[in-house]
C-alpha cells in the first residue's frame, strides 16, 4: 500500500512538471511569434514601400543616374532632336538605337513611339512627362507588354538665346524585371554623358548652320 502511494505521488509530480514544461514552451513560442511579426515601421511584403526596399538593398549602385552639360544651342533646337524619335539614333552615344519610323514626333504625354534597337529588338516607348521645349520622359517596354519600370528623362534649361543646360537622367528605381538589373547597373553617368556629347555636337552644328 505504501509503495502504491509513493508511485501515485511520483506520477502526480511528474504530471505537474510536464504541464509546467508545456506551459513554458507555449509562452516562449508565443513570444517568438510576436517578435517575428513586422512592426508598423516595416511594411509587409506587397505593401507600399516594400518594393523599393527590396531593389535598393541588393546593391549600393545608385538607381537614379544623372548627367549634365551646357550646349551652345537654343533649347528649341535641342528639344527637336530629342522629341523626334527618328533623329535619336544620330546622337545616341551608346550605339543602342538603330532606327525609328518617321512621323512620330512627340507632342504630349500619352504618346507612344517605337524604336528599333541595334540588336534587332523593337521597343514601344510611352511618354509620361512632357513640356514642349523643356522636358520629356518615357518608359520603354517590349511591344505588347507593360513597361518594366525604368525611365529615360531629358530636361532643358535655357541660359540665354544660344546656350542651354541639358540634364539627362536614367531612373531604374522602379524596375521590376530582375533580368534587367545588370544592364541597369551598367548604365553609368559616363554612358549618359556620351549621349549628351553627341547631342551637343549635332545641336551645335545645326545652330551654326542655322538649320533644324
N, C-alpha and C. Protein backbone atom coordinates (compact mmCIF):
# COMPACT_ATOMS: atom_id res chain seq x y z
N UNK A 1 0.84 -1.21 0.00
CA UNK A 1 0.00 0.00 0.00
C UNK A 1 0.86 1.25 0.00
N UNK A 2 1.91 1.26 0.84
CA UNK A 2 2.81 2.42 0.89
C UNK A 2 3.51 2.63 -0.43
N UNK A 3 3.91 1.48 -1.04
CA UNK A 3 4.57 1.60 -2.34
C UNK A 3 3.65 2.21 -3.37
N UNK A 4 2.33 1.85 -3.29
CA UNK A 4 1.36 2.39 -4.25
C UNK A 4 1.20 3.89 -4.07
N UNK A 5 1.18 4.36 -2.79
CA UNK A 5 1.05 5.80 -2.53
C UNK A 5 2.25 6.55 -3.09
N UNK A 6 3.44 5.97 -2.88
CA UNK A 6 4.65 6.61 -3.39
C UNK A 6 4.60 6.71 -4.90
N UNK A 7 4.11 5.62 -5.53
CA UNK A 7 4.05 5.59 -7.00
C UNK A 7 3.08 6.65 -7.53
N UNK A 8 1.85 6.73 -6.85
CA UNK A 8 0.88 7.73 -7.30
C UNK A 8 1.43 9.14 -7.08
N UNK A 9 2.14 9.36 -5.97
CA UNK A 9 2.71 10.67 -5.71
C UNK A 9 3.74 11.05 -6.75
N UNK A 10 4.55 10.08 -7.11
CA UNK A 10 5.58 10.34 -8.13
C UNK A 10 4.94 10.67 -9.47
N UNK A 11 3.83 9.96 -9.77
CA UNK A 11 3.15 10.20 -11.05
C UNK A 11 2.57 11.60 -11.10
N UNK A 12 1.91 12.02 -9.94
CA UNK A 12 1.34 13.37 -9.91
C UNK A 12 2.43 14.42 -10.06
N UNK A 13 3.58 14.22 -9.45
CA UNK A 13 4.68 15.18 -9.54
C UNK A 13 5.20 15.27 -10.97
N UNK A 14 5.30 14.10 -11.61
CA UNK A 14 5.78 14.09 -12.99
C UNK A 14 4.80 14.80 -13.91
N UNK A 15 3.49 14.55 -13.66
CA UNK A 15 2.46 15.22 -14.48
C UNK A 15 2.52 16.72 -14.32
N UNK A 16 2.70 17.18 -13.06
CA UNK A 16 2.80 18.62 -12.80
C UNK A 16 3.98 19.23 -13.52
N UNK A 17 5.12 18.52 -13.48
CA UNK A 17 6.31 19.03 -14.16
C UNK A 17 6.09 19.10 -15.68
N UNK A 18 5.40 18.08 -16.22
CA UNK A 18 5.14 18.05 -17.66
C UNK A 18 4.26 19.21 -18.08
N UNK A 19 3.17 19.46 -17.27
CA UNK A 19 2.28 20.58 -17.59
C UNK A 19 3.01 21.91 -17.52
N UNK A 20 3.88 22.06 -16.52
CA UNK A 20 4.65 23.29 -16.37
C UNK A 20 5.56 23.50 -17.57
N UNK A 21 6.20 22.39 -18.02
CA UNK A 21 7.11 22.47 -19.17
C UNK A 21 6.35 22.87 -20.43
N UNK A 22 5.15 22.29 -20.63
CA UNK A 22 4.34 22.61 -21.80
C UNK A 22 3.90 24.07 -21.78
N UNK A 23 3.48 24.56 -20.57
CA UNK A 23 3.04 25.94 -20.45
C UNK A 23 4.17 26.90 -20.77
N UNK A 24 5.37 26.62 -20.26
CA UNK A 24 6.52 27.49 -20.53
C UNK A 24 6.89 27.48 -22.01
N UNK A 25 6.77 26.29 -22.63
CA UNK A 25 7.09 26.17 -24.05
C UNK A 25 6.14 26.99 -24.89
N UNK A 26 4.82 26.91 -24.55
CA UNK A 26 3.83 27.70 -25.29
C UNK A 26 4.11 29.20 -25.15
N UNK A 27 4.47 29.63 -23.92
CA UNK A 27 4.74 31.04 -23.70
C UNK A 27 5.93 31.51 -24.51
N UNK A 28 6.97 30.67 -24.54
CA UNK A 28 8.15 31.04 -25.33
C UNK A 28 7.80 31.11 -26.80
N UNK A 29 7.03 30.13 -27.28
CA UNK A 29 6.64 30.11 -28.70
C UNK A 29 5.81 31.33 -29.04
N UNK A 30 4.90 31.69 -28.13
CA UNK A 30 4.09 32.89 -28.36
C UNK A 30 4.96 34.12 -28.43
N UNK A 31 5.97 34.19 -27.62
CA UNK A 31 6.89 35.32 -27.64
C UNK A 31 7.65 35.40 -28.94
N UNK A 32 8.06 34.22 -29.48
CA UNK A 32 8.77 34.21 -30.76
C UNK A 32 7.88 34.71 -31.88
N UNK A 33 6.63 34.28 -31.87
CA UNK A 33 5.71 34.71 -32.91
C UNK A 33 5.52 36.22 -32.87
N UNK A 34 5.32 36.76 -31.64
CA UNK A 34 5.14 38.20 -31.51
C UNK A 34 6.36 38.96 -32.00
N UNK A 35 7.55 38.41 -31.67
CA UNK A 35 8.78 39.09 -32.07
C UNK A 35 8.96 39.04 -33.59
N UNK A 36 8.45 37.96 -34.23
CA UNK A 36 8.64 37.80 -35.67
C UNK A 36 7.69 38.66 -36.49
N UNK A 37 6.60 39.13 -35.87
CA UNK A 37 5.66 39.96 -36.61
C UNK A 37 6.30 41.30 -36.97
N UNK A 38 6.09 41.79 -38.24
CA UNK A 38 6.68 43.07 -38.61
C UNK A 38 6.08 44.20 -37.81
N UNK A 39 6.90 45.16 -37.49
CA UNK A 39 6.42 46.33 -36.77
C UNK A 39 5.73 47.27 -37.73
N UNK A 40 5.09 48.30 -37.17
CA UNK A 40 4.39 49.26 -38.02
C UNK A 40 5.35 50.00 -38.92
N UNK A 41 6.63 50.07 -38.49
CA UNK A 41 7.62 50.80 -39.28
C UNK A 41 8.14 49.98 -40.45
N UNK A 42 7.87 48.66 -40.46
CA UNK A 42 8.34 47.79 -41.52
C UNK A 42 7.15 47.26 -42.29
N UNK A 43 6.86 47.78 -43.49
CA UNK A 43 5.68 47.34 -44.22
C UNK A 43 5.82 45.89 -44.64
N UNK A 44 4.74 45.10 -44.60
CA UNK A 44 4.79 43.71 -45.01
C UNK A 44 4.99 43.59 -46.50
N UNK A 45 5.34 42.40 -46.96
CA UNK A 45 5.55 42.14 -48.37
C UNK A 45 4.29 42.53 -49.15
N UNK A 46 4.48 43.30 -50.23
CA UNK A 46 3.37 43.73 -51.05
C UNK A 46 2.81 45.07 -50.67
N UNK A 47 3.16 45.58 -49.50
CA UNK A 47 2.64 46.88 -49.08
C UNK A 47 3.48 47.99 -49.69
N UNK A 48 2.92 49.21 -49.79
CA UNK A 48 3.70 50.33 -50.33
C UNK A 48 4.99 50.53 -49.56
N UNK A 49 6.08 50.71 -50.30
CA UNK A 49 7.37 50.91 -49.65
C UNK A 49 8.22 49.66 -49.62
N UNK A 50 7.59 48.48 -49.76
CA UNK A 50 8.37 47.24 -49.71
C UNK A 50 9.23 47.09 -50.94
N UNK A 51 8.66 47.38 -52.13
CA UNK A 51 9.38 47.14 -53.37
C UNK A 51 10.69 47.91 -53.43
N UNK A 52 10.66 49.20 -53.15
CA UNK A 52 11.88 49.99 -53.22
C UNK A 52 12.94 49.46 -52.28
N UNK A 53 12.51 48.95 -51.10
CA UNK A 53 13.47 48.42 -50.15
C UNK A 53 14.17 47.19 -50.72
N UNK A 54 13.40 46.32 -51.41
CA UNK A 54 13.99 45.12 -51.99
C UNK A 54 15.01 45.47 -53.05
N UNK A 55 14.68 46.42 -53.91
CA UNK A 55 15.58 46.76 -55.01
C UNK A 55 16.85 47.42 -54.52
N UNK A 56 16.73 48.43 -53.68
CA UNK A 56 17.89 49.23 -53.31
C UNK A 56 18.80 48.52 -52.31
N UNK A 57 18.28 47.54 -51.56
CA UNK A 57 19.11 46.88 -50.58
C UNK A 57 20.08 45.88 -51.21
N UNK A 58 19.83 45.49 -52.47
CA UNK A 58 20.65 44.47 -53.11
C UNK A 58 22.01 45.01 -53.56
N UNK A 59 22.13 46.30 -53.72
CA UNK A 59 23.36 46.86 -54.26
C UNK A 59 23.48 48.32 -53.83
N UNK A 60 24.73 48.78 -53.79
CA UNK A 60 24.97 50.18 -53.46
C UNK A 60 24.95 51.05 -54.72
N UNK A 61 24.73 50.43 -55.90
CA UNK A 61 24.68 51.18 -57.14
C UNK A 61 23.50 52.13 -57.13
N UNK A 62 23.69 53.41 -57.45
CA UNK A 62 22.55 54.34 -57.50
C UNK A 62 21.51 53.89 -58.52
N UNK A 63 20.24 54.04 -58.18
CA UNK A 63 19.17 53.65 -59.11
C UNK A 63 18.65 54.85 -59.90
N UNK A 64 19.17 56.04 -59.63
CA UNK A 64 18.87 57.22 -60.44
C UNK A 64 20.21 57.84 -60.84
N UNK A 65 20.49 57.81 -62.13
CA UNK A 65 21.77 58.29 -62.66
C UNK A 65 21.52 59.54 -63.49
N UNK A 66 22.32 60.58 -63.27
CA UNK A 66 22.11 61.86 -63.94
C UNK A 66 23.43 62.43 -64.47
N UNK A 67 23.35 63.05 -65.63
CA UNK A 67 24.50 63.76 -66.20
C UNK A 67 24.01 65.11 -66.73
N UNK A 68 24.89 66.12 -66.66
CA UNK A 68 24.55 67.48 -67.10
C UNK A 68 25.57 67.96 -68.12
N UNK A 69 25.12 68.88 -68.96
CA UNK A 69 26.06 69.53 -69.88
C UNK A 69 25.43 70.80 -70.40
N UNK A 70 26.28 71.80 -70.59
CA UNK A 70 25.85 73.03 -71.26
C UNK A 70 26.11 72.88 -72.75
N UNK A 71 25.10 73.19 -73.56
CA UNK A 71 25.21 73.06 -75.01
C UNK A 71 25.03 74.44 -75.64
N UNK A 72 25.88 74.76 -76.59
CA UNK A 72 25.83 76.06 -77.25
C UNK A 72 24.79 76.04 -78.38
N UNK A 73 23.54 75.92 -77.97
CA UNK A 73 22.42 75.93 -78.93
C UNK A 73 21.16 76.26 -78.16
N UNK A 74 20.15 76.74 -78.88
CA UNK A 74 18.89 77.07 -78.24
C UNK A 74 18.12 75.83 -77.80
N UNK A 75 17.30 75.99 -76.77
CA UNK A 75 16.55 74.87 -76.22
C UNK A 75 15.62 74.25 -77.25
N UNK A 76 14.98 75.07 -78.08
CA UNK A 76 14.03 74.55 -79.06
C UNK A 76 14.73 73.64 -80.07
N UNK A 77 15.90 74.05 -80.51
CA UNK A 77 16.64 73.24 -81.48
C UNK A 77 17.06 71.90 -80.87
N UNK A 78 17.54 71.94 -79.64
CA UNK A 78 17.96 70.70 -78.96
C UNK A 78 16.77 69.79 -78.73
N UNK A 79 15.66 70.39 -78.29
CA UNK A 79 14.48 69.59 -77.97
C UNK A 79 13.96 68.87 -79.21
N UNK A 80 14.06 69.51 -80.36
CA UNK A 80 13.60 68.89 -81.60
C UNK A 80 14.37 67.61 -81.90
N UNK A 81 15.64 67.59 -81.58
CA UNK A 81 16.45 66.39 -81.80
C UNK A 81 16.05 65.24 -80.87
N UNK A 82 15.52 65.59 -79.71
CA UNK A 82 15.13 64.57 -78.74
C UNK A 82 13.69 64.10 -78.97
N UNK A 83 12.79 65.04 -79.23
CA UNK A 83 11.36 64.73 -79.33
C UNK A 83 10.99 64.04 -80.64
N UNK A 84 11.88 64.06 -81.61
CA UNK A 84 11.64 63.35 -82.87
C UNK A 84 12.43 62.03 -82.82
N UNK A 85 11.75 60.90 -82.56
CA UNK A 85 12.47 59.63 -82.40
C UNK A 85 13.33 59.25 -83.60
N UNK A 86 12.96 59.68 -84.80
CA UNK A 86 13.74 59.33 -85.99
C UNK A 86 15.13 59.93 -85.94
N UNK A 87 15.32 60.97 -85.12
CA UNK A 87 16.62 61.63 -85.04
C UNK A 87 17.46 61.14 -83.86
N UNK A 88 16.87 60.37 -82.98
CA UNK A 88 17.60 59.91 -81.79
C UNK A 88 18.80 59.01 -82.12
N UNK A 89 18.71 58.06 -83.08
CA UNK A 89 19.89 57.23 -83.36
C UNK A 89 21.11 58.03 -83.79
N UNK A 90 20.90 59.23 -84.33
CA UNK A 90 22.02 60.05 -84.79
C UNK A 90 22.88 60.59 -83.67
N UNK A 91 22.35 60.69 -82.45
CA UNK A 91 23.15 61.19 -81.34
C UNK A 91 23.24 60.21 -80.17
N UNK A 92 22.70 59.01 -80.30
CA UNK A 92 22.80 58.01 -79.24
C UNK A 92 24.27 57.67 -79.00
N UNK A 93 24.75 57.97 -77.81
CA UNK A 93 26.17 57.79 -77.52
C UNK A 93 26.59 56.38 -77.22
N UNK A 94 25.65 55.45 -77.13
CA UNK A 94 25.99 54.07 -76.80
C UNK A 94 25.67 53.10 -77.93
N UNK A 95 25.33 53.64 -79.09
CA UNK A 95 25.04 52.82 -80.28
C UNK A 95 24.02 51.73 -79.98
N UNK A 96 23.02 52.09 -79.20
CA UNK A 96 21.97 51.14 -78.83
C UNK A 96 20.75 51.27 -79.73
N UNK A 97 20.58 52.44 -80.37
CA UNK A 97 19.41 52.70 -81.19
C UNK A 97 19.76 52.59 -82.67
N UNK A 98 18.93 51.87 -83.42
CA UNK A 98 19.19 51.67 -84.85
C UNK A 98 18.36 52.62 -85.70
N UNK A 99 17.04 52.57 -85.57
CA UNK A 99 16.20 53.44 -86.38
C UNK A 99 14.79 53.52 -85.81
N UNK A 100 14.09 54.58 -86.19
CA UNK A 100 12.69 54.76 -85.81
C UNK A 100 11.95 55.32 -87.01
N UNK A 101 10.70 54.91 -87.20
CA UNK A 101 9.93 55.42 -88.34
C UNK A 101 9.74 56.93 -88.27
N UNK A 102 9.65 57.56 -89.42
CA UNK A 102 9.37 58.98 -89.49
C UNK A 102 7.93 59.25 -89.01
N UNK A 103 7.66 60.51 -88.66
CA UNK A 103 6.30 60.90 -88.32
C UNK A 103 5.86 60.57 -86.91
N UNK A 104 6.81 60.36 -85.99
CA UNK A 104 6.45 60.02 -84.61
C UNK A 104 6.77 61.16 -83.64
N UNK A 105 6.96 62.36 -84.12
CA UNK A 105 7.35 63.46 -83.26
C UNK A 105 6.40 63.55 -82.06
N UNK A 106 6.97 63.53 -80.86
CA UNK A 106 6.16 63.53 -79.63
C UNK A 106 5.55 64.91 -79.41
N UNK A 107 4.24 64.91 -79.04
CA UNK A 107 3.53 66.16 -78.80
C UNK A 107 2.96 66.28 -77.39
N UNK A 108 2.96 65.18 -76.65
CA UNK A 108 2.39 65.25 -75.31
C UNK A 108 2.45 63.93 -74.59
N UNK A 109 2.10 63.94 -73.31
CA UNK A 109 2.06 62.71 -72.53
C UNK A 109 1.00 61.78 -73.11
N UNK A 110 1.28 60.50 -73.01
CA UNK A 110 0.37 59.51 -73.58
C UNK A 110 0.78 59.05 -74.96
N UNK A 111 1.64 59.83 -75.64
CA UNK A 111 2.14 59.40 -76.95
C UNK A 111 3.01 58.15 -76.78
N UNK A 112 3.01 57.31 -77.80
CA UNK A 112 3.85 56.11 -77.81
C UNK A 112 4.62 56.09 -79.13
N UNK A 113 5.93 55.97 -79.06
CA UNK A 113 6.73 55.84 -80.28
C UNK A 113 7.54 54.55 -80.23
N UNK A 114 7.81 54.00 -81.40
CA UNK A 114 8.56 52.75 -81.49
C UNK A 114 9.99 53.03 -81.94
N UNK A 115 10.89 52.19 -81.48
CA UNK A 115 12.31 52.31 -81.81
C UNK A 115 12.89 50.92 -82.02
N UNK A 116 13.59 50.75 -83.13
CA UNK A 116 14.31 49.50 -83.36
C UNK A 116 15.71 49.63 -82.79
N UNK A 117 16.12 48.64 -82.00
CA UNK A 117 17.43 48.67 -81.36
C UNK A 117 18.48 48.07 -82.28
N UNK A 118 19.74 48.30 -81.94
CA UNK A 118 20.83 47.79 -82.75
C UNK A 118 20.89 46.26 -82.74
N UNK A 119 20.29 45.62 -81.73
CA UNK A 119 20.26 44.16 -81.68
C UNK A 119 19.05 43.57 -82.40
N UNK A 120 18.25 44.44 -83.03
CA UNK A 120 17.09 43.99 -83.78
C UNK A 120 15.78 44.03 -83.03
N UNK A 121 15.83 44.21 -81.72
CA UNK A 121 14.61 44.29 -80.93
C UNK A 121 13.87 45.59 -81.18
N UNK A 122 12.57 45.58 -80.92
CA UNK A 122 11.75 46.77 -81.10
C UNK A 122 11.14 47.14 -79.75
N UNK A 123 11.22 48.39 -79.41
CA UNK A 123 10.68 48.88 -78.14
C UNK A 123 9.57 49.90 -78.39
N UNK A 124 8.53 49.78 -77.57
CA UNK A 124 7.49 50.80 -77.52
C UNK A 124 7.82 51.72 -76.36
N UNK A 125 7.79 53.01 -76.58
CA UNK A 125 8.18 54.00 -75.56
C UNK A 125 6.99 54.89 -75.23
N UNK A 126 6.51 54.81 -73.99
CA UNK A 126 5.33 55.56 -73.58
C UNK A 126 5.76 56.85 -72.89
N UNK A 127 5.33 57.96 -73.42
CA UNK A 127 5.70 59.27 -72.90
C UNK A 127 4.88 59.56 -71.65
N UNK A 128 5.56 59.81 -70.54
CA UNK A 128 4.87 60.02 -69.26
C UNK A 128 5.09 61.43 -68.71
N UNK A 129 6.03 62.17 -69.27
CA UNK A 129 6.27 63.57 -68.89
C UNK A 129 6.54 64.36 -70.16
N UNK A 130 5.92 65.52 -70.26
CA UNK A 130 6.16 66.32 -71.47
C UNK A 130 5.85 67.78 -71.21
N UNK A 131 6.81 68.63 -71.58
CA UNK A 131 6.62 70.07 -71.63
C UNK A 131 7.41 70.56 -72.83
N UNK A 132 6.71 71.06 -73.83
CA UNK A 132 7.35 71.43 -75.08
C UNK A 132 8.57 72.32 -74.86
N UNK A 133 9.69 71.86 -75.42
CA UNK A 133 10.92 72.63 -75.34
C UNK A 133 11.66 72.55 -74.02
N UNK A 134 11.10 71.84 -73.03
CA UNK A 134 11.69 71.85 -71.70
C UNK A 134 11.93 70.46 -71.10
N UNK A 135 10.96 69.55 -71.26
CA UNK A 135 11.11 68.26 -70.58
C UNK A 135 10.36 67.16 -71.33
N UNK A 136 10.97 65.97 -71.36
CA UNK A 136 10.34 64.80 -71.95
C UNK A 136 10.90 63.56 -71.25
N UNK A 137 10.02 62.60 -70.98
CA UNK A 137 10.45 61.35 -70.34
C UNK A 137 9.57 60.22 -70.85
N UNK A 138 10.16 59.05 -70.98
CA UNK A 138 9.38 57.91 -71.47
C UNK A 138 9.79 56.60 -70.79
N UNK A 139 8.85 55.65 -70.81
CA UNK A 139 9.05 54.32 -70.25
C UNK A 139 9.14 53.32 -71.41
N UNK A 140 10.29 52.70 -71.64
CA UNK A 140 10.39 51.71 -72.72
C UNK A 140 9.84 50.35 -72.28
N UNK A 141 9.37 49.60 -73.28
CA UNK A 141 8.89 48.24 -73.00
C UNK A 141 8.94 47.44 -74.29
N UNK A 142 8.89 46.13 -74.15
CA UNK A 142 8.73 45.29 -75.32
C UNK A 142 7.32 45.51 -75.87
N UNK A 143 7.16 45.40 -77.16
CA UNK A 143 5.86 45.64 -77.76
C UNK A 143 4.82 44.66 -77.21
N UNK A 144 3.67 45.21 -76.84
CA UNK A 144 2.59 44.38 -76.33
C UNK A 144 2.69 44.05 -74.86
N UNK A 145 3.73 44.57 -74.18
CA UNK A 145 3.92 44.28 -72.77
C UNK A 145 3.92 45.58 -71.95
N UNK A 146 3.67 45.42 -70.66
CA UNK A 146 3.72 46.57 -69.77
C UNK A 146 5.17 47.01 -69.54
N UNK A 147 5.43 48.29 -69.36
CA UNK A 147 6.80 48.74 -69.07
C UNK A 147 7.32 48.11 -67.78
N UNK A 148 8.56 47.63 -67.79
CA UNK A 148 9.12 47.03 -66.57
C UNK A 148 9.48 48.06 -65.49
N UNK A 149 9.49 49.36 -65.84
CA UNK A 149 9.65 50.35 -64.78
C UNK A 149 10.82 51.31 -64.89
N UNK A 150 11.73 51.11 -65.85
CA UNK A 150 12.83 52.08 -65.96
C UNK A 150 12.44 53.22 -66.89
N UNK A 151 13.04 54.38 -66.65
CA UNK A 151 12.60 55.61 -67.31
C UNK A 151 13.80 56.41 -67.80
N UNK A 152 13.62 57.04 -68.98
CA UNK A 152 14.61 57.97 -69.53
C UNK A 152 14.00 59.37 -69.52
N UNK A 153 14.78 60.35 -69.07
CA UNK A 153 14.26 61.72 -68.98
C UNK A 153 15.30 62.71 -69.52
N UNK A 154 14.78 63.75 -70.22
CA UNK A 154 15.60 64.86 -70.68
C UNK A 154 14.97 66.16 -70.19
N UNK A 155 15.79 67.04 -69.64
CA UNK A 155 15.32 68.34 -69.15
C UNK A 155 16.23 69.43 -69.71
N UNK A 156 15.61 70.49 -70.21
CA UNK A 156 16.34 71.59 -70.83
C UNK A 156 16.06 72.89 -70.09
N UNK A 157 17.14 73.59 -69.76
CA UNK A 157 17.03 74.87 -69.06
C UNK A 157 17.75 75.94 -69.88
N UNK A 158 17.01 76.82 -70.55
CA UNK A 158 17.67 77.87 -71.34
C UNK A 158 18.48 78.80 -70.45
N UNK A 159 19.71 79.06 -70.83
CA UNK A 159 20.56 80.00 -70.11
C UNK A 159 20.52 81.37 -70.78
N UNK A 160 20.47 81.35 -72.11
CA UNK A 160 20.22 82.55 -72.90
C UNK A 160 19.79 82.07 -74.28
N UNK A 161 19.75 82.95 -75.25
CA UNK A 161 19.22 82.58 -76.57
C UNK A 161 20.02 81.48 -77.25
N UNK A 162 21.30 81.38 -76.91
CA UNK A 162 22.13 80.40 -77.61
C UNK A 162 22.81 79.39 -76.71
N UNK A 163 22.41 79.30 -75.47
CA UNK A 163 23.02 78.33 -74.55
C UNK A 163 21.93 77.66 -73.72
N UNK A 164 22.10 76.34 -73.53
CA UNK A 164 21.09 75.56 -72.80
C UNK A 164 21.80 74.55 -71.90
N UNK A 165 21.33 74.48 -70.67
CA UNK A 165 21.81 73.44 -69.77
C UNK A 165 20.90 72.22 -69.93
N UNK A 166 21.49 71.08 -70.29
CA UNK A 166 20.72 69.86 -70.55
C UNK A 166 21.03 68.82 -69.48
N UNK A 167 20.00 68.23 -68.92
CA UNK A 167 20.13 67.19 -67.90
C UNK A 167 19.52 65.90 -68.44
N UNK A 168 20.31 64.85 -68.40
CA UNK A 168 19.87 63.53 -68.88
C UNK A 168 19.83 62.59 -67.68
N UNK A 169 18.72 61.90 -67.50
CA UNK A 169 18.53 61.04 -66.33
C UNK A 169 18.06 59.64 -66.75
N UNK A 170 18.65 58.63 -66.11
CA UNK A 170 18.16 57.26 -66.23
C UNK A 170 17.72 56.82 -64.83
N UNK A 171 16.43 56.51 -64.69
CA UNK A 171 15.85 56.18 -63.39
C UNK A 171 15.32 54.76 -63.42
N UNK A 172 15.98 53.86 -62.68
CA UNK A 172 15.50 52.47 -62.63
C UNK A 172 15.10 52.06 -61.21
N UNK A 173 14.71 53.06 -60.42
CA UNK A 173 14.32 52.79 -59.03
C UNK A 173 13.04 51.96 -58.95
N UNK A 174 12.24 51.93 -60.01
CA UNK A 174 11.01 51.15 -60.01
C UNK A 174 11.07 49.96 -60.97
N UNK A 175 12.26 49.61 -61.39
CA UNK A 175 12.43 48.48 -62.31
C UNK A 175 12.06 47.17 -61.61
N UNK A 176 11.18 46.39 -62.23
CA UNK A 176 10.70 45.15 -61.61
C UNK A 176 11.30 43.90 -62.22
N UNK A 177 11.90 44.00 -63.39
CA UNK A 177 12.45 42.83 -64.09
C UNK A 177 13.89 42.62 -63.65
N UNK A 178 14.12 41.62 -62.81
CA UNK A 178 15.47 41.38 -62.29
C UNK A 178 16.46 41.02 -63.39
N UNK A 179 15.97 40.50 -64.52
CA UNK A 179 16.87 40.17 -65.62
C UNK A 179 17.51 41.43 -66.22
N UNK A 180 16.95 42.59 -65.94
CA UNK A 180 17.48 43.84 -66.48
C UNK A 180 18.37 44.58 -65.48
N UNK A 181 18.51 44.05 -64.29
CA UNK A 181 19.27 44.76 -63.25
C UNK A 181 20.74 44.96 -63.65
N UNK A 182 21.35 43.92 -64.21
CA UNK A 182 22.78 44.03 -64.55
C UNK A 182 23.00 45.14 -65.58
N UNK A 183 22.15 45.19 -66.60
CA UNK A 183 22.29 46.24 -67.61
C UNK A 183 21.99 47.61 -67.02
N UNK A 184 21.01 47.66 -66.11
CA UNK A 184 20.68 48.93 -65.47
C UNK A 184 21.87 49.45 -64.66
N UNK A 185 22.52 48.56 -63.91
CA UNK A 185 23.68 48.97 -63.11
C UNK A 185 24.83 49.44 -64.01
N UNK A 186 24.88 48.90 -65.23
CA UNK A 186 25.96 49.28 -66.15
C UNK A 186 25.70 50.61 -66.83
N UNK A 187 24.49 51.15 -66.68
CA UNK A 187 24.17 52.44 -67.27
C UNK A 187 24.63 53.54 -66.32
N UNK A 188 25.86 53.93 -66.47
CA UNK A 188 26.51 54.88 -65.57
C UNK A 188 26.43 56.30 -66.12
N UNK A 189 26.92 57.24 -65.34
CA UNK A 189 26.95 58.63 -65.76
C UNK A 189 27.76 58.80 -67.05
N UNK A 190 28.83 58.03 -67.20
CA UNK A 190 29.65 58.12 -68.41
C UNK A 190 28.84 57.78 -69.66
N UNK A 191 27.97 56.79 -69.54
CA UNK A 191 27.15 56.41 -70.69
C UNK A 191 26.16 57.52 -71.05
N UNK A 192 25.59 58.14 -70.02
CA UNK A 192 24.67 59.25 -70.28
C UNK A 192 25.42 60.42 -70.90
N UNK A 193 26.61 60.66 -70.41
CA UNK A 193 27.39 61.80 -70.92
C UNK A 193 27.78 61.58 -72.38
N UNK A 194 27.98 60.33 -72.78
CA UNK A 194 28.31 60.04 -74.18
C UNK A 194 27.18 60.50 -75.10
N UNK A 195 25.94 60.27 -74.67
CA UNK A 195 24.80 60.75 -75.47
C UNK A 195 24.71 62.27 -75.44
N UNK A 196 24.96 62.86 -74.28
CA UNK A 196 24.96 64.32 -74.17
C UNK A 196 25.98 64.94 -75.12
N UNK A 197 27.16 64.35 -75.18
CA UNK A 197 28.22 64.91 -76.02
C UNK A 197 27.85 64.84 -77.50
N UNK A 198 27.27 63.73 -77.92
CA UNK A 198 26.90 63.60 -79.33
C UNK A 198 25.69 64.49 -79.65
N UNK A 199 24.78 64.62 -78.67
CA UNK A 199 23.65 65.53 -78.87
C UNK A 199 24.16 66.97 -79.02
N UNK A 200 25.14 67.34 -78.21
CA UNK A 200 25.72 68.67 -78.30
C UNK A 200 26.36 68.90 -79.66
N UNK A 201 27.07 67.90 -80.14
CA UNK A 201 27.72 68.01 -81.44
C UNK A 201 26.69 68.26 -82.55
N UNK A 202 25.59 67.49 -82.51
CA UNK A 202 24.56 67.63 -83.54
C UNK A 202 23.85 68.98 -83.43
N UNK A 203 23.51 69.38 -82.20
CA UNK A 203 22.77 70.62 -82.00
C UNK A 203 23.62 71.84 -82.34
N UNK A 204 24.88 71.81 -81.95
CA UNK A 204 25.75 72.96 -82.21
C UNK A 204 26.07 73.10 -83.69
N UNK A 205 26.16 71.95 -84.39
CA UNK A 205 26.38 72.01 -85.83
C UNK A 205 25.16 72.61 -86.53
N UNK A 206 23.97 72.19 -86.08
CA UNK A 206 22.74 72.75 -86.66
C UNK A 206 22.59 74.23 -86.35
N UNK A 207 22.99 74.60 -85.12
CA UNK A 207 22.92 76.02 -84.71
C UNK A 207 23.84 76.87 -85.58
N UNK A 208 25.03 76.37 -85.84
CA UNK A 208 25.99 77.12 -86.67
C UNK A 208 25.52 77.25 -88.11
N UNK A 209 24.84 76.19 -88.58
CA UNK A 209 24.35 76.22 -89.96
C UNK A 209 23.01 76.93 -90.08
N UNK A 210 22.38 77.20 -88.93
CA UNK A 210 21.09 77.87 -88.94
C UNK A 210 19.98 77.00 -89.44
N UNK A 211 20.12 75.67 -89.26
CA UNK A 211 19.11 74.72 -89.73
C UNK A 211 18.54 73.95 -88.56
N UNK A 212 17.48 73.20 -88.83
CA UNK A 212 16.89 72.33 -87.81
C UNK A 212 17.57 70.97 -87.79
